[in-house]
Amino acid sequence: MGISMEELNRMRNMDIMDLRREDLSNAEDIVIDTGKSVESRIRSFLEQTKNPYAQNVGEYILQVGFMEGAEDLIDDRMILLTRKKTQIMV
């Protein structure tokens, strides 16, 4: 399966409000063999997803993006997001 750069850019730039659940893969159905090379893992991910930038996660649509030059890991960003969302406003 080959995805053109134009198609990848289109998917990356989609507004989350324009995404439709039926057009997305379910995140829990995506299985990646971490014993394989990075190139094989990327290829497998792209083959299993309808849009590599968005998936169905339970009742929600999760849209992901990447910042060039960022040194934080996704785990670091998820912790920051969780802290921000769980702050109690006084």
PDB file of N, CA and C in Angstrom:
ATOM      1  N   MET A   1       0.848  -1.177   0.000  1.00  0.00           N
ATOM      2  CA  MET A   1       0.000   0.000   0.000  1.00  0.00           C
ATOM      3  C   MET A   1       0.890   1.237   0.000  1.00  0.00           C
ATOM      4  N   GLY A   2       0.708   2.099  -0.967  1.00  0.00           N
ATOM      5  CA  GLY A   2       1.503   3.312  -1.013  1.00  0.00           C
ATOM      6  C   GLY A   2       0.625   4.528  -0.823  1.00  0.00           C
ATOM      7  N   ILE A   3       1.026   5.375   0.119  1.00  0.00           N
ATOM      8  CA  ILE A   3       0.312   6.622   0.355  1.00  0.00           C
ATOM      9  C   ILE A   3       1.206   7.740  -0.151  1.00  0.00           C
ATOM     10  N   SER A   4       0.668   8.596  -0.974  1.00  0.00           N
ATOM     11  CA  SER A   4       1.457   9.698  -1.507  1.00  0.00           C
ATOM     12  C   SER A   4       1.688  10.753  -0.421  1.00  0.00           C
ATOM     13  N   MET A   5       2.709  11.552  -0.620  1.00  0.00           N
ATOM     14  CA  MET A   5       2.992  12.643   0.315  1.00  0.00           C
ATOM     15  C   MET A   5       1.835  13.641   0.334  1.00  0.00           C
ATOM     16  N   GLU A   6       1.208  13.848  -0.808  1.00  0.00           N
ATOM     17  CA  GLU A   6       0.067  14.766  -0.869  1.00  0.00           C
ATOM     18  C   GLU A   6      -1.082  14.262   0.003  1.00  0.00           C
ATOM     19  N   GLU A   7      -1.330  12.949  -0.063  1.00  0.00           N
ATOM     20  CA  GLU A   7      -2.407  12.364   0.745  1.00  0.00           C
ATOM     21  C   GLU A   7      -2.067  12.438   2.239  1.00  0.00           C
ATOM     22  N   LEU A   8      -0.816  12.154   2.581  1.00  0.00           N
ATOM     23  CA  LEU A   8      -0.397  12.264   3.981  1.00  0.00           C
ATOM     24  C   LEU A   8      -0.554  13.696   4.480  1.00  0.00           C
ATOM     25  N   ASN A   9      -0.154  14.669   3.676  1.00  0.00           N
ATOM     26  CA  ASN A   9      -0.301  16.076   4.065  1.00  0.00           C
ATOM     27  C   ASN A   9      -1.764  16.454   4.223  1.00  0.00           C
ATOM     28  N   ARG A  10      -2.622  15.957   3.344  1.00  0.00           N
ATOM     29  CA  ARG A  10      -4.053  16.237   3.445  1.00  0.00           C
ATOM     30  C   ARG A  10      -4.607  15.687   4.763  1.00  0.00           C
ATOM     31  N   MET A  11      -4.248  14.440   5.098  1.00  0.00           N
ATOM     32  CA  MET A  11      -4.725  13.824   6.339  1.00  0.00           C
ATOM     33  C   MET A  11      -4.171  14.552   7.560  1.00  0.00           C
ATOM     34  N   ARG A  12      -2.910  14.945   7.506  1.00  0.00           N
ATOM     35  CA  ARG A  12      -2.286  15.646   8.631  1.00  0.00           C
ATOM     36  C   ARG A  12      -2.969  16.980   8.900  1.00  0.00           C
ATOM     37  N   ASN A  13      -3.403  17.654   7.857  1.00  0.00           N
ATOM     38  CA  ASN A  13      -3.972  18.990   7.991  1.00  0.00           C
ATOM     39  C   ASN A  13      -5.486  19.016   8.164  1.00  0.00           C
ATOM     40  N   MET A  14      -6.121  17.855   8.260  1.00  0.00           N
ATOM     41  CA  MET A  14      -7.576  17.821   8.421  1.00  0.00           C
ATOM     42  C   MET A  14      -7.986  18.399   9.768  1.00  0.00           C
ATOM     43  N   ASP A  15      -9.053  19.152   9.760  1.00  0.00           N
ATOM     44  CA  ASP A  15      -9.641  19.667  10.992  1.00  0.00           C
ATOM     45  C   ASP A  15     -10.334  18.503  11.692  1.00  0.00           C
ATOM     46  N   ILE A  16     -10.156  18.387  12.987  1.00  0.00           N
ATOM     47  CA  ILE A  16     -10.765  17.276  13.718  1.00  0.00           C
ATOM     48  C   ILE A  16     -12.286  17.246  13.558  1.00  0.00           C
ATOM     49  N   MET A  17     -12.893  18.391  13.351  1.00  0.00           N
ATOM     50  CA  MET A  17     -14.348  18.448  13.179  1.00  0.00           C
ATOM     51  C   MET A  17     -14.785  17.862  11.834  1.00  0.00           C
ATOM     52  N   ASP A  18     -13.846  17.714  10.894  1.00  0.00           N
ATOM     53  CA  ASP A  18     -14.162  17.133   9.590  1.00  0.00           C
ATOM     54  C   ASP A  18     -13.942  15.626   9.546  1.00  0.00           C
ATOM     55  N   LEU A  19     -13.359  15.057  10.609  1.00  0.00           N
ATOM     56  CA  LEU A  19     -13.104  13.617  10.646  1.00  0.00           C
ATOM     57  C   LEU A  19     -14.392  12.862  10.927  1.00  0.00           C
ATOM     58  N   ARG A  20     -14.542  11.720  10.264  1.00  0.00           N
ATOM     59  CA  ARG A  20     -15.717  10.871  10.484  1.00  0.00           C
ATOM     60  C   ARG A  20     -15.252   9.535  11.043  1.00  0.00           C
ATOM     61  N   ARG A  21     -15.912   9.076  12.113  1.00  0.00           N
ATOM     62  CA  ARG A  21     -15.515   7.844  12.790  1.00  0.00           C
ATOM     63  C   ARG A  21     -15.429   6.659  11.837  1.00  0.00           C
ATOM     64  N   GLU A  22     -16.370   6.578  10.895  1.00  0.00           N
ATOM     65  CA  GLU A  22     -16.385   5.436   9.972  1.00  0.00           C
ATOM     66  C   GLU A  22     -15.207   5.452   8.990  1.00  0.00           C
ATOM     67  N   ASP A  23     -14.524   6.573   8.887  1.00  0.00           N
ATOM     68  CA  ASP A  23     -13.363   6.683   8.003  1.00  0.00           C
ATOM     69  C   ASP A  23     -12.048   6.414   8.733  1.00  0.00           C
ATOM     70  N   LEU A  24     -12.129   6.083  10.026  1.00  0.00           N
ATOM     71  CA  LEU A  24     -10.926   5.904  10.834  1.00  0.00           C
ATOM     72  C   LEU A  24     -10.809   4.483  11.356  1.00  0.00           C
ATOM     73  N   SER A  25      -9.584   4.072  11.609  1.00  0.00           N
ATOM     74  CA  SER A  25      -9.315   2.767  12.203  1.00  0.00           C
ATOM     75  C   SER A  25      -9.508   2.859  13.717  1.00  0.00           C
ATOM     76  N   ASN A  26      -9.726   1.705  14.348  1.00  0.00           N
ATOM     77  CA  ASN A  26      -9.814   1.635  15.800  1.00  0.00           C
ATOM     78  C   ASN A  26      -8.413   1.394  16.353  1.00  0.00           C
ATOM     79  N   ALA A  27      -7.985   2.259  17.257  1.00  0.00           N
ATOM     80  CA  ALA A  27      -6.627   2.183  17.797  1.00  0.00           C
ATOM     81  C   ALA A  27      -6.326   0.814  18.404  1.00  0.00           C
ATOM     82  N   GLU A  28      -7.313   0.196  19.061  1.00  0.00           N
ATOM     83  CA  GLU A  28      -7.060  -1.098  19.717  1.00  0.00           C
ATOM     84  C   GLU A  28      -6.850  -2.231  18.717  1.00  0.00           C
ATOM     85  N   ASP A  29      -7.191  -2.016  17.456  1.00  0.00           N
ATOM     86  CA  ASP A  29      -6.994  -3.036  16.424  1.00  0.00           C
ATOM     87  C   ASP A  29      -5.608  -2.966  15.781  1.00  0.00           C
ATOM     88  N   ILE A  30      -4.865  -1.922  16.074  1.00  0.00           N
ATOM     89  CA  ILE A  30      -3.544  -1.736  15.472  1.00  0.00           C
ATOM     90  C   ILE A  30      -2.513  -2.464  16.320  1.00  0.00           C
ATOM     91  N   VAL A  31      -1.796  -3.391  15.700  1.00  0.00           N
ATOM     92  CA  VAL A  31      -0.787  -4.189  16.400  1.00  0.00           C
ATOM     93  C   VAL A  31       0.547  -3.987  15.685  1.00  0.00           C
ATOM     94  N   ILE A  32       1.554  -3.600  16.447  1.00  0.00           N
ATOM     95  CA  ILE A  32       2.880  -3.356  15.894  1.00  0.00           C
ATOM     96  C   ILE A  32       3.874  -4.308  16.551  1.00  0.00           C
ATOM     97  N   ASP A  33       4.640  -5.025  15.742  1.00  0.00           N
ATOM     98  CA  ASP A  33       5.670  -5.932  16.230  1.00  0.00           C
ATOM     99  C   ASP A  33       6.932  -5.118  16.519  1.00  0.00           C
ATOM    100  N   THR A  34       7.191  -4.860  17.795  1.00  0.00           N
ATOM    101  CA  THR A  34       8.322  -4.016  18.176  1.00  0.00           C
ATOM    102  C   THR A  34       9.668  -4.697  17.950  1.00  0.00           C
ATOM    103  N   GLY A  35       9.661  -5.966  17.592  1.00  0.00           N
ATOM    104  CA  GLY A  35      10.897  -6.666  17.298  1.00  0.00           C
ATOM    105  C   GLY A  35      11.395  -6.413  15.882  1.00  0.00           C
ATOM    106  N   LYS A  36      10.576  -5.798  15.074  1.00  0.00           N
ATOM    107  CA  LYS A  36      10.953  -5.525  13.685  1.00  0.00           C
ATOM    108  C   LYS A  36      11.667  -4.183  13.577  1.00  0.00           C
ATOM    109  N   SER A  37      12.231  -3.934  12.413  1.00  0.00           N
ATOM    110  CA  SER A  37      12.950  -2.678  12.185  1.00  0.00           C
ATOM    111  C   SER A  37      11.981  -1.498  12.216  1.00  0.00           C
ATOM    112  N   VAL A  38      12.517  -0.317  12.417  1.00  0.00           N
ATOM    113  CA  VAL A  38      11.694   0.896  12.443  1.00  0.00           C
ATOM    114  C   VAL A  38      10.940   1.029  11.134  1.00  0.00           C
ATOM    115  N   GLU A  39      11.599   0.803  10.011  1.00  0.00           N
ATOM    116  CA  GLU A  39      10.946   0.908   8.708  1.00  0.00           C
ATOM    117  C   GLU A  39       9.773  -0.068   8.594  1.00  0.00           C
ATOM    118  N   SER A  40       9.946  -1.290   9.064  1.00  0.00           N
ATOM    119  CA  SER A  40       8.862  -2.284   9.026  1.00  0.00           C
ATOM    120  C   SER A  40       7.710  -1.882   9.929  1.00  0.00           C
ATOM    121  N   ARG A  41       8.025  -1.315  11.101  1.00  0.00           N
ATOM    122  CA  ARG A  41       6.972  -0.876  12.017  1.00  0.00           C
ATOM    123  C   ARG A  41       6.173   0.274  11.423  1.00  0.00           C
ATOM    124  N   ILE A  42       6.853   1.205  10.778  1.00  0.00           N
ATOM    125  CA  ILE A  42       6.161   2.325  10.138  1.00  0.00           C
ATOM    126  C   ILE A  42       5.276   1.811   9.014  1.00  0.00           C
ATOM    127  N   ARG A  43       5.801   0.940   8.189  1.00  0.00           N
ATOM    128  CA  ARG A  43       5.026   0.374   7.087  1.00  0.00           C
ATOM    129  C   ARG A  43       3.797  -0.364   7.608  1.00  0.00           C
ATOM    130  N   SER A  44       3.974  -1.157   8.661  1.00  0.00           N
ATOM    131  CA  SER A  44       2.864  -1.892   9.256  1.00  0.00           C
ATOM    132  C   SER A  44       1.796  -0.937   9.789  1.00  0.00           C
ATOM    133  N   PHE A  45       2.226   0.114  10.478  1.00  0.00           N
ATOM    134  CA  PHE A  45       1.287   1.098  11.008  1.00  0.00           C
ATOM    135  C   PHE A  45       0.487   1.740   9.881  1.00  0.00           C
ATOM    136  N   LEU A  46       1.178   2.176   8.836  1.00  0.00           N
ATOM    137  CA  LEU A  46       0.497   2.817   7.707  1.00  0.00           C
ATOM    138  C   LEU A  46      -0.484   1.863   7.019  1.00  0.00           C
ATOM    139  N   GLU A  47      -0.126   0.590   6.939  1.00  0.00           N
ATOM    140  CA  GLU A  47      -1.005  -0.395   6.309  1.00  0.00           C
ATOM    141  C   GLU A  47      -2.250  -0.679   7.143  1.00  0.00           C
ATOM    142  N   GLN A  48      -2.135  -0.535   8.465  1.00  0.00           N
ATOM    143  CA  GLN A  48      -3.252  -0.850   9.350  1.00  0.00           C
ATOM    144  C   GLN A  48      -4.184   0.330   9.614  1.00  0.00           C
ATOM    145  N   THR A  49      -3.744   1.533   9.284  1.00  0.00           N
ATOM    146  CA  THR A  49      -4.562   2.707   9.575  1.00  0.00           C
ATOM    147  C   THR A  49      -5.150   3.299   8.308  1.00  0.00           C
ATOM    148  N   LYS A  50      -6.312   3.855   8.457  1.00  0.00           N
ATOM    149  CA  LYS A  50      -6.937   4.568   7.346  1.00  0.00           C
ATOM    150  C   LYS A  50      -6.416   6.000   7.303  1.00  0.00           C
ATOM    151  N   ASN A  51      -6.047   6.528   8.478  1.00  0.00           N
ATOM    152  CA  ASN A  51      -5.465   7.855   8.594  1.00  0.00           C
ATOM    153  C   ASN A  51      -4.435   7.777   9.720  1.00  0.00           C
ATOM    154  N   PRO A  52      -3.145   7.876   9.405  1.00  0.00           N
ATOM    155  CA  PRO A  52      -2.130   7.732  10.459  1.00  0.00           C
ATOM    156  C   PRO A  52      -2.143   8.854  11.486  1.00  0.00           C
ATOM    157  N   TYR A  53      -2.891   9.915  11.241  1.00  0.00           N
ATOM    158  CA  TYR A  53      -2.950  11.049  12.158  1.00  0.00           C
ATOM    159  C   TYR A  53      -4.194  11.049  13.037  1.00  0.00           C
ATOM    160  N   ALA A  54      -5.093  10.078  12.842  1.00  0.00           N
ATOM    161  CA  ALA A  54      -6.321  10.051  13.640  1.00  0.00           C
ATOM    162  C   ALA A  54      -6.851   8.618  13.730  1.00  0.00           C
ATOM    163  N   GLN A  55      -7.304   8.237  14.917  1.00  0.00           N
ATOM    164  CA  GLN A  55      -7.901   6.926  15.144  1.00  0.00           C
ATOM    165  C   GLN A  55      -9.079   7.048  16.105  1.00  0.00           C
ATOM    166  N   ASN A  56      -9.937   6.052  16.034  1.00  0.00           N
ATOM    167  CA  ASN A  56     -10.999   5.923  17.023  1.00  0.00           C
ATOM    168  C   ASN A  56     -10.388   5.322  18.284  1.00  0.00           C
ATOM    169  N   VAL A  57     -10.660   5.959  19.426  1.00  0.00           N
ATOM    170  CA  VAL A  57     -10.207   5.445  20.720  1.00  0.00           C
ATOM    171  C   VAL A  57     -11.430   5.467  21.620  1.00  0.00           C
ATOM    172  N   GLY A  58     -12.061   4.312  21.761  1.00  0.00           N
ATOM    173  CA  GLY A  58     -13.293   4.246  22.542  1.00  0.00           C
ATOM    174  C   GLY A  58     -14.355   5.127  21.919  1.00  0.00           C
ATOM    175  N   GLU A  59     -14.898   6.049  22.699  1.00  0.00           N
ATOM    176  CA  GLU A  59     -15.947   6.957  22.229  1.00  0.00           C
ATOM    177  C   GLU A  59     -15.386   8.190  21.524  1.00  0.00           C
ATOM    178  N   TYR A  60     -14.073   8.309  21.473  1.00  0.00           N
ATOM    179  CA  TYR A  60     -13.451   9.544  21.000  1.00  0.00           C
ATOM    180  C   TYR A  60     -12.659   9.341  19.721  1.00  0.00           C
ATOM    181  N   ILE A  61     -12.415  10.449  19.045  1.00  0.00           N
ATOM    182  CA  ILE A  61     -11.467  10.476  17.938  1.00  0.00           C
ATOM    183  C   ILE A  61     -10.206  11.131  18.480  1.00  0.00           C
ATOM    184  N   LEU A  62      -9.085  10.435  18.349  1.00  0.00           N
ATOM    185  CA  LEU A  62      -7.799  10.964  18.785  1.00  0.00           C
ATOM    186  C   LEU A  62      -7.040  11.408  17.549  1.00  0.00           C
ATOM    187  N   GLN A  63      -6.707  12.686  17.497  1.00  0.00           N
ATOM    188  CA  GLN A  63      -5.927  13.221  16.389  1.00  0.00           C
ATOM    189  C   GLN A  63      -4.547  13.561  16.930  1.00  0.00           C
ATOM    190  N   VAL A  64      -3.513  13.092  16.253  1.00  0.00           N
ATOM    191  CA  VAL A  64      -2.149  13.325  16.721  1.00  0.00           C
ATOM    192  C   VAL A  64      -1.384  14.174  15.723  1.00  0.00           C
ATOM    193  N   GLY A  65      -0.385  14.851  16.226  1.00  0.00           N
ATOM    194  CA  GLY A  65       0.506  15.651  15.394  1.00  0.00           C
ATOM    195  C   GLY A  65       1.880  15.646  16.025  1.00  0.00           C
ATOM    196  N   PHE A  66       2.829  16.126  15.297  1.00  0.00           N
ATOM    197  CA  PHE A  66       4.202  16.110  15.760  1.00  0.00           C
ATOM    198  C   PHE A  66       4.830  17.472  15.524  1.00  0.00           C
ATOM    199  N   MET A  67       5.637  17.913  16.485  1.00  0.00           N
ATOM    200  CA  MET A  67       6.360  19.173  16.339  1.00  0.00           C
ATOM    201  C   MET A  67       7.801  18.849  15.964  1.00  0.00           C
ATOM    202  N   GLU A  68       8.263  19.449  14.895  1.00  0.00           N
ATOM    203  CA  GLU A  68       9.654  19.257  14.512  1.00  0.00           C
ATOM    204  C   GLU A  68      10.559  19.891  15.549  1.00  0.00           C
ATOM    205  N   GLY A  69      11.617  19.197  15.887  1.00  0.00           N
ATOM    206  CA  GLY A  69      12.588  19.728  16.831  1.00  0.00           C
ATOM    207  C   GLY A  69      12.234  19.511  18.288  1.00  0.00           C
ATOM    208  N   ALA A  70      11.058  18.964  18.575  1.00  0.00           N
ATOM    209  CA  ALA A  70      10.664  18.737  19.971  1.00  0.00           C
ATOM    210  C   ALA A  70      11.495  17.598  20.556  1.00  0.00           C
ATOM    211  N   GLU A  71      11.919  17.768  21.792  1.00  0.00           N
ATOM    212  CA  GLU A  71      12.720  16.741  22.446  1.00  0.00           C
ATOM    213  C   GLU A  71      11.904  15.909  23.419  1.00  0.00           C
ATOM    214  N   ASP A  72      10.710  16.377  23.772  1.00  0.00           N
ATOM    215  CA  ASP A  72       9.858  15.632  24.692  1.00  0.00           C
ATOM    216  C   ASP A  72       9.352  14.353  24.019  1.00  0.00           C
ATOM    217  N   LEU A  73       9.207  13.315  24.811  1.00  0.00           N
ATOM    218  CA  LEU A  73       8.592  12.085  24.339  1.00  0.00           C
ATOM    219  C   LEU A  73       7.077  12.226  24.441  1.00  0.00           C
ATOM    220  N   ILE A  74       6.344  11.377  23.739  1.00  0.00           N
ATOM    221  CA  ILE A  74       4.883  11.440  23.804  1.00  0.00           C
ATOM    222  C   ILE A  74       4.411  11.213  25.234  1.00  0.00           C
ATOM    223  N   ASP A  75       5.108  10.362  25.990  1.00  0.00           N
ATOM    224  CA  ASP A  75       4.735  10.132  27.380  1.00  0.00           C
ATOM    225  C   ASP A  75       4.823  11.431  28.193  1.00  0.00           C
ATOM    226  N   ASP A  76       5.870  12.220  27.941  1.00  0.00           N
ATOM    227  CA  ASP A  76       6.018  13.501  28.639  1.00  0.00           C
ATOM    228  C   ASP A  76       4.849  14.421  28.328  1.00  0.00           C
ATOM    229  N   ARG A  77       4.459  14.485  27.055  1.00  0.00           N
ATOM    230  CA  ARG A  77       3.360  15.356  26.637  1.00  0.00           C
ATOM    231  C   ARG A  77       2.021  14.875  27.205  1.00  0.00           C
ATOM    232  N   MET A  78       1.819  13.559  27.277  1.00  0.00           N
ATOM    233  CA  MET A  78       0.573  13.018  27.824  1.00  0.00           C
ATOM    234  C   MET A  78       0.475  13.345  29.317  1.00  0.00           C
ATOM    235  N   ILE A  79       1.580  13.280  30.029  1.00  0.00           N
ATOM    236  CA  ILE A  79       1.578  13.636  31.456  1.00  0.00           C
ATOM    237  C   ILE A  79       1.226  15.111  31.624  1.00  0.00           C
ATOM    238  N   LEU A  80       1.839  15.973  30.803  1.00  0.00           N
ATOM    239  CA  LEU A  80       1.522  17.404  30.871  1.00  0.00           C
ATOM    240  C   LEU A  80       0.056  17.663  30.560  1.00  0.00           C
ATOM    241  N   LEU A  81      -0.470  16.995  29.534  1.00  0.00           N
ATOM    242  CA  LEU A  81      -1.876  17.160  29.176  1.00  0.00           C
ATOM    243  C   LEU A  81      -2.780  16.717  30.323  1.00  0.00           C
ATOM    244  N   THR A  82      -2.475  15.577  30.917  1.00  0.00           N
ATOM    245  CA  THR A  82      -3.282  15.063  32.025  1.00  0.00           C
ATOM    246  C   THR A  82      -3.258  16.027  33.203  1.00  0.00           C
ATOM    247  N   ARG A  83      -2.077  16.533  33.520  1.00  0.00           N
ATOM    248  CA  ARG A  83      -1.979  17.503  34.619  1.00  0.00           C
ATOM    249  C   ARG A  83      -2.802  18.747  34.318  1.00  0.00           C
ATOM    250  N   LYS A  84      -2.715  19.237  33.100  1.00  0.00           N
ATOM    251  CA  LYS A  84      -3.456  20.444  32.717  1.00  0.00           C
ATOM    252  C   LYS A  84      -4.962  20.211  32.797  1.00  0.00           C
ATOM    253  N   LYS A  85      -5.426  19.072  32.308  1.00  0.00           N
ATOM    254  CA  LYS A  85      -6.857  18.786  32.270  1.00  0.00           C
ATOM    255  C   LYS A  85      -7.449  18.459  33.627  1.00  0.00           C
ATOM    256  N   THR A  86      -6.612  18.021  34.564  1.00  0.00           N
ATOM    257  CA  THR A  86      -7.125  17.622  35.878  1.00  0.00           C
ATOM    258  C   THR A  86      -6.962  18.680  36.954  1.00  0.00           C
ATOM    259  N   GLN A  87      -6.433  19.849  36.588  1.00  0.00           N
ATOM    260  CA  GLN A  87      -6.296  20.914  37.572  1.00  0.00           C
ATOM    261  C   GLN A  87      -7.682  21.370  38.023  1.00  0.00           C
ATOM    262  N   ILE A  88      -7.811  21.532  39.307  1.00  0.00           N
ATOM    263  CA  ILE A  88      -9.077  21.996  39.865  1.00  0.00           C
ATOM    264  C   ILE A  88      -9.033  23.517  39.924  1.00  0.00           C
ATOM    265  N   MET A  89      -9.989  24.136  39.286  1.00  0.00           N
ATOM    266  CA  MET A  89     -10.059  25.590  39.285  1.00  0.00           C
ATOM    267  C   MET A  89     -10.694  26.055  40.595  1.00  0.00           C
ATOM    268  N   VAL A  90     -10.057  26.984  41.286  1.00  0.00           N
ATOM    269  CA  VAL A  90     -10.563  27.480  42.561  1.00  0.00           C
ATOM    270  C   VAL A  90     -11.207  28.825  42.364  1.00  0.00           C
TER     271      VAL A  90
END
